[in-house]
Amino acid sequence: MAFVSQIGFRRATSPHRSKPSVRFRKTTSGAGGGTVSKSVPLREKRIDIQIDEEAKQIRMGVNPEGVSCGKNGSFSCSIFVFKLVGSESIALTDGGDGWWYGSYGNSQESRS
């Protein structure tokens, strides 16, 4: 039997790794909040969330005047965002312009 060094080996990416997404929620205090997945590079930055109600799309990006996104991806937002978007997980795609885009309203989840 031969020993093989594990130095330099990297774990192969697995299909269960997080996909770029965001999810909004209503906190226990009644405020709005959300979480971005690990694969969205907005953690530990100040972010802006913009909504296009007609197209049912959101976009998120870095803005020095935005809300703080924590190390774990959590951020605060207006309860209006949750009521508008709901609690569904929204897949995000990199627009290549510094913004991450997603569409909402594709499922029939409760928005209370």
Protein backbone atom coordinates (compact mmCIF):
# COMPACT_ATOMS: atom_id res chain seq x y z
CA MET A 1 0.00 0.00 0.00
CA ALA A 2 1.29 3.48 -0.86
CA PHE A 3 0.57 6.64 1.07
CA VAL A 4 -0.63 9.66 -0.89
CA SER A 5 -0.29 13.16 0.52
CA GLN A 6 -3.50 15.14 0.87
CA ILE A 7 -1.70 18.50 0.68
CA GLY A 8 -2.94 20.45 -2.28
CA PHE A 9 -6.05 18.35 -2.84
CA ARG A 10 -9.24 20.33 -3.16
CA ARG A 11 -12.68 19.00 -2.63
CA ALA A 12 -14.53 18.61 -5.89
CA THR A 13 -17.51 20.88 -6.32
CA SER A 14 -20.68 18.99 -5.66
CA PRO A 15 -24.13 19.53 -7.15
CA HIS A 16 -25.61 20.44 -3.76
CA ARG A 17 -23.43 23.58 -3.47
CA SER A 18 -25.45 26.73 -3.18
CA LYS A 19 -26.66 28.33 -6.35
CA PRO A 20 -26.83 32.14 -6.55
CA SER A 21 -30.10 33.08 -4.87
CA VAL A 22 -31.83 35.39 -2.41
CA ARG A 23 -34.75 34.79 -0.07
CA PHE A 24 -36.77 37.39 1.81
CA ARG A 25 -38.54 36.86 5.12
CA LYS A 26 -40.61 38.53 7.81
CA THR A 27 -38.69 38.52 11.10
CA THR A 28 -40.27 37.64 14.44
CA SER A 29 -40.43 41.35 15.27
CA GLY A 30 -42.37 42.00 12.05
CA ALA A 31 -39.55 43.68 10.15
CA GLY A 32 -38.27 42.62 6.76
CA GLY A 33 -35.06 40.73 6.12
CA GLY A 34 -33.34 38.48 3.67
CA THR A 35 -30.43 36.18 2.98
CA VAL A 36 -28.17 35.79 -0.06
CA SER A 37 -26.52 32.46 -0.80
CA LYS A 38 -22.77 31.93 -0.44
CA SER A 39 -22.26 32.02 -4.18
CA VAL A 40 -23.41 35.65 -4.46
CA PRO A 41 -20.39 37.91 -3.76
CA LEU A 42 -22.39 40.53 -1.82
CA ARG A 43 -21.69 39.25 1.68
CA GLU A 44 -19.97 41.68 4.07
CA LYS A 45 -20.81 44.58 1.74
CA ARG A 46 -23.42 47.33 1.66
CA ILE A 47 -26.09 46.40 -0.89
CA ASP A 48 -28.98 47.96 -2.74
CA ILE A 49 -32.12 46.03 -3.66
CA GLN A 50 -34.13 47.38 -6.60
CA ILE A 51 -37.49 46.07 -7.74
CA ASP A 52 -39.25 46.35 -11.09
CA GLU A 53 -42.88 45.60 -10.17
CA GLU A 54 -44.13 45.51 -13.77
CA ALA A 55 -41.53 42.98 -14.96
CA LYS A 56 -41.52 41.19 -11.55
CA GLN A 57 -37.75 41.36 -11.38
CA ILE A 58 -35.26 42.36 -8.72
CA ARG A 59 -31.64 43.33 -8.90
CA MET A 60 -29.06 43.55 -6.17
CA GLY A 61 -25.68 45.22 -6.17
CA VAL A 62 -23.08 47.00 -4.07
CA ASN A 63 -23.98 50.54 -2.98
CA PRO A 64 -22.11 52.47 -0.26
CA GLU A 65 -25.44 53.90 0.94
CA GLY A 66 -27.22 50.54 0.98
CA VAL A 67 -28.01 48.12 3.79
CA SER A 68 -25.31 45.98 5.40
CA CYS A 69 -25.11 42.37 4.36
CA GLY A 70 -23.50 40.27 7.09
CA LYS A 71 -20.89 37.57 6.94
CA ASN A 72 -23.65 34.95 6.89
CA GLY A 73 -25.53 36.69 4.04
CA SER A 74 -28.30 38.19 6.19
CA PHE A 75 -29.55 41.73 5.69
CA SER A 76 -32.44 43.93 6.78
CA CYS A 77 -34.91 45.46 4.36
CA SER A 78 -38.34 47.02 4.32
CA ILE A 79 -41.26 44.71 5.04
CA PHE A 80 -42.62 46.13 1.76
CA VAL A 81 -39.99 44.09 -0.10
CA PHE A 82 -41.17 40.86 1.55
CA LYS A 83 -44.84 41.67 0.89
CA LEU A 84 -44.10 42.39 -2.75
CA VAL A 85 -41.67 39.57 -3.50
CA GLY A 86 -42.77 36.87 -1.04
CA SER A 87 -40.71 34.19 0.66
CA GLU A 88 -39.80 32.14 -2.41
CA SER A 89 -36.15 31.53 -3.17
CA ILE A 90 -35.22 33.72 -6.13
CA ALA A 91 -32.46 32.47 -8.43
CA LEU A 92 -29.97 35.21 -9.28
CA THR A 93 -27.76 35.62 -12.33
CA ASP A 94 -24.74 37.86 -12.70
CA GLY A 95 -25.57 40.61 -15.18
CA GLY A 96 -21.89 41.41 -15.73
CA ASP A 97 -22.61 45.04 -14.85
CA GLY A 98 -22.16 44.74 -11.08
CA TRP A 99 -25.81 43.74 -10.52
CA TRP A 100 -27.35 40.37 -9.78
CA TYR A 101 -30.76 39.84 -11.44
CA GLY A 102 -33.69 37.58 -10.60
CA SER A 103 -37.39 37.10 -11.29
CA TYR A 104 -40.07 36.57 -8.67
CA GLY A 105 -43.73 35.66 -8.62
CA ASN A 106 -43.31 32.27 -10.27
CA SER A 107 -44.91 30.31 -7.42
CA GLN A 108 -48.10 30.65 -5.42
CA GLU A 109 -46.62 30.98 -1.90
CA SER A 110 -48.35 32.88 0.86
CA ARG A 111 -47.14 36.42 1.43
CA SER A 112 -48.38 37.21 4.91
